[in-house]
């Protein structure tokens, strides 16, 4: 079975709220988990080159790998945040443990009767509450979720729109076959 890689491939700043001389500094948190598999992984996607460089109209094309797995079907919950001075949140740690606890409750066989969309609508707000409560000074721009498709060619996921006190952005994820 081929290995699929989930990548962030584009961040577009629709409207910034930069304070001072520089631009905005967005970063992405992604929680990925498979149905009926305990755990899950919290990953931060951030490039220091993005710091203070996002102004209205700026588009950054990138190929930052978020994670990879042999099987498609991973549930992805993605938050866009805009940092002030430094990012409040990172990969792993206590926030990941709290998210894993929720996933272990709802993503397991006891809730197998839920469709993927229903499961995302139950779990997403609970995980988002943890993200918002963990911020000290960064702006929360929202969350989206999707299921990684079992594709055989490189496939972009429809751009996700985020907006809040930290500006408005469009974020594109792409799934590709490793080595393809």
Protein backbone atom coordinates (compact mmCIF):
# COMPACT_ATOMS: atom_id res chain seq x y z
CA UNK A 1 0.00 0.00 0.00
CA UNK A 2 1.47 3.40 -0.93
CA UNK A 3 2.37 5.95 1.71
CA UNK A 4 0.33 9.16 1.53
CA UNK A 5 1.74 12.48 2.68
CA UNK A 6 -0.42 15.35 3.89
CA UNK A 7 1.17 18.71 3.11
CA UNK A 8 0.34 22.37 3.59
CA UNK A 9 0.83 23.69 0.07
CA UNK A 10 -0.46 27.26 0.16
CA UNK A 11 -1.25 30.02 2.62
CA UNK A 12 -2.95 33.11 1.22
CA UNK A 13 -3.47 36.26 3.29
CA UNK A 14 -6.81 37.77 2.27
CA UNK A 15 -6.70 40.48 4.95
CA UNK A 16 -4.07 41.13 7.63
CA UNK A 17 -4.29 42.86 10.99
CA UNK A 18 -0.61 43.51 11.44
CA UNK A 19 0.38 45.77 14.24
CA UNK A 20 3.47 47.94 13.85
CA UNK A 21 5.92 47.77 10.97
CA UNK A 22 5.73 44.08 10.09
CA UNK A 23 3.03 41.80 8.79
CA UNK A 24 1.20 38.91 10.38
CA UNK A 25 2.83 35.64 11.51
CA UNK A 26 0.42 32.73 10.97
CA UNK A 27 0.94 29.13 12.01
CA UNK A 28 -1.13 25.98 11.75
CA UNK A 29 -1.96 23.32 14.36
CA UNK A 30 -3.09 19.95 13.02
CA UNK A 31 -4.48 17.04 15.01
CA UNK A 32 -4.62 13.79 13.03
CA UNK A 33 -6.15 10.50 14.12
CA UNK A 34 -7.60 7.34 12.60
CA UNK A 35 -11.00 5.96 13.51
CA UNK A 36 -10.83 3.01 15.93
CA UNK A 37 -7.15 3.69 16.64
CA UNK A 38 -6.36 5.20 20.06
CA UNK A 39 -4.25 8.31 20.29
CA UNK A 40 -3.62 10.76 17.53
CA UNK A 41 -0.91 13.30 16.87
CA UNK A 42 -0.73 17.09 17.29
CA UNK A 43 1.61 18.81 14.83
CA UNK A 44 2.53 22.48 14.52
CA UNK A 45 3.28 23.77 11.02
CA UNK A 46 5.28 26.98 11.16
CA UNK A 47 8.09 28.50 9.16
CA UNK A 48 10.21 31.23 10.79
CA UNK A 49 10.37 32.87 7.34
CA UNK A 50 6.63 33.56 7.68
CA UNK A 51 7.16 35.77 10.75
CA UNK A 52 5.99 39.33 10.14
CA UNK A 53 5.76 38.74 6.38
CA UNK A 54 2.05 38.21 5.75
CA UNK A 55 0.33 41.31 4.43
CA UNK A 56 -2.93 41.50 2.45
CA UNK A 57 -2.57 39.64 -0.83
CA UNK A 58 0.56 37.67 0.12
CA UNK A 59 0.58 34.08 -1.10
CA UNK A 60 3.15 31.55 0.07
CA UNK A 61 3.44 28.29 -1.84
CA UNK A 62 5.10 25.63 0.26
CA UNK A 63 5.30 21.86 0.50
CA UNK A 64 5.55 21.40 4.25
CA UNK A 65 4.80 17.79 5.12
CA UNK A 66 2.42 17.55 8.07
CA UNK A 67 2.39 13.76 8.39
CA UNK A 68 2.34 10.54 6.39
CA UNK A 69 0.61 7.18 6.64
CA UNK A 70 0.04 4.13 4.49
CA UNK A 71 -3.71 4.34 4.74
CA UNK A 72 -5.97 7.19 3.77
CA UNK A 73 -8.92 8.00 5.98
CA UNK A 74 -7.14 9.95 8.70
CA UNK A 75 -9.32 12.54 10.38
CA UNK A 76 -7.68 15.97 10.23
CA UNK A 77 -8.58 18.92 12.47
CA UNK A 78 -6.71 22.09 11.47
CA UNK A 79 -6.53 25.41 13.32
CA UNK A 80 -5.02 28.61 11.98
CA UNK A 81 -3.48 30.92 14.57
CA UNK A 82 -1.66 34.23 14.27
CA UNK A 83 1.20 34.71 16.68
CA UNK A 84 2.15 37.80 18.63
CA UNK A 85 5.88 37.79 19.50
CA UNK A 86 6.16 33.98 19.53
CA UNK A 87 3.79 31.03 19.03
CA UNK A 88 1.81 30.08 22.12
CA UNK A 89 1.32 26.46 21.06
CA UNK A 90 3.52 23.66 19.74
CA UNK A 91 3.41 20.00 18.81
CA UNK A 92 2.76 17.28 21.36
CA UNK A 93 2.66 18.04 25.07
CA UNK A 94 -0.33 18.37 27.35
CA UNK A 95 -2.58 19.79 24.61
CA UNK A 96 -1.98 16.64 22.56
CA UNK A 97 -2.84 14.46 25.58
CA UNK A 98 -6.14 16.32 26.07
CA UNK A 99 -6.99 15.91 22.37
CA UNK A 100 -6.10 12.22 22.46
CA UNK A 101 -8.45 11.78 25.42
CA UNK A 102 -11.35 13.22 23.41
CA UNK A 103 -10.43 11.14 20.36
CA UNK A 104 -10.18 7.98 22.48
CA UNK A 105 -13.71 8.67 23.74
CA UNK A 106 -15.44 9.52 20.45
CA UNK A 107 -13.25 8.09 17.67
CA UNK A 108 -13.52 4.51 18.89
CA UNK A 109 -16.00 1.72 18.17
CA UNK A 110 -18.57 2.93 20.71
CA UNK A 111 -19.37 5.79 18.32
CA UNK A 112 -18.97 3.73 15.12
CA UNK A 113 -22.54 4.53 14.06
CA UNK A 114 -21.55 8.15 13.35
CA UNK A 115 -20.70 9.17 9.81
CA UNK A 116 -17.35 10.89 9.26
CA UNK A 117 -19.11 14.28 9.06
CA UNK A 118 -21.03 13.63 12.30
CA UNK A 119 -17.88 12.52 14.10
CA UNK A 120 -16.01 15.63 12.93
CA UNK A 121 -18.90 17.84 14.09
CA UNK A 122 -18.86 16.24 17.56
CA UNK A 123 -15.08 16.14 18.08
CA UNK A 124 -14.03 19.40 16.37
CA UNK A 125 -15.69 21.86 18.80
CA UNK A 126 -14.34 19.93 21.80
CA UNK A 127 -10.77 20.07 20.45
CA UNK A 128 -11.19 23.74 19.52
CA UNK A 129 -12.14 24.57 23.09
CA UNK A 130 -8.78 23.17 24.21
CA UNK A 131 -6.89 25.21 21.59
CA UNK A 132 -8.65 28.45 22.51
CA UNK A 133 -8.17 27.88 26.25
CA UNK A 134 -4.44 27.24 25.72
CA UNK A 135 -3.71 30.55 23.98
CA UNK A 136 -2.18 33.40 25.92
CA UNK A 137 -1.79 36.17 23.33
CA UNK A 138 -2.08 34.62 19.86
CA UNK A 139 -5.17 35.20 17.73
CA UNK A 140 -7.50 32.30 16.97
CA UNK A 141 -8.73 32.31 13.38
CA UNK A 142 -10.85 29.17 13.45
CA UNK A 143 -10.80 25.48 12.62
CA UNK A 144 -11.75 23.10 9.84
CA UNK A 145 -11.75 19.34 9.52
CA UNK A 146 -11.64 16.81 6.73
CA UNK A 147 -10.79 13.17 6.11
CA UNK A 148 -7.64 12.42 4.10
CA UNK A 149 -8.82 10.88 0.83
CA UNK A 150 -7.38 7.57 -0.39
CA UNK A 151 -5.99 9.05 -3.59
CA UNK A 152 -3.56 7.58 -6.09
CA UNK A 153 -2.30 10.89 -7.49
CA UNK A 154 -1.43 14.25 -5.94
CA UNK A 155 -4.73 15.87 -4.94
CA UNK A 156 -5.37 19.31 -3.44
CA UNK A 157 -8.08 19.64 -0.81
CA UNK A 158 -10.40 22.60 -1.45
CA UNK A 159 -8.95 25.75 0.17
CA UNK A 160 -10.14 26.30 3.74
CA UNK A 161 -11.12 29.84 4.78
CA UNK A 162 -10.19 31.18 8.20
CA UNK A 163 -10.90 34.60 9.70
CA UNK A 164 -10.83 36.31 13.06
CA UNK A 165 -8.99 39.02 14.97
CA UNK A 166 -5.77 37.83 13.32
CA UNK A 167 -6.95 38.47 9.74
CA UNK A 168 -8.44 36.35 6.97
CA UNK A 169 -6.62 33.53 5.23
CA UNK A 170 -7.10 30.65 2.81
CA UNK A 171 -5.16 27.49 3.55
CA UNK A 172 -4.66 24.63 1.09
CA UNK A 173 -3.68 21.09 2.02
CA UNK A 174 -2.55 18.55 -0.56
CA UNK A 175 -2.29 14.77 -0.36
CA UNK A 176 0.36 13.04 -2.45
CA UNK A 177 1.80 9.58 -2.81
CA UNK A 178 5.29 9.50 -1.31
CA UNK A 179 7.86 9.24 -4.03
CA UNK A 180 5.19 10.00 -6.65
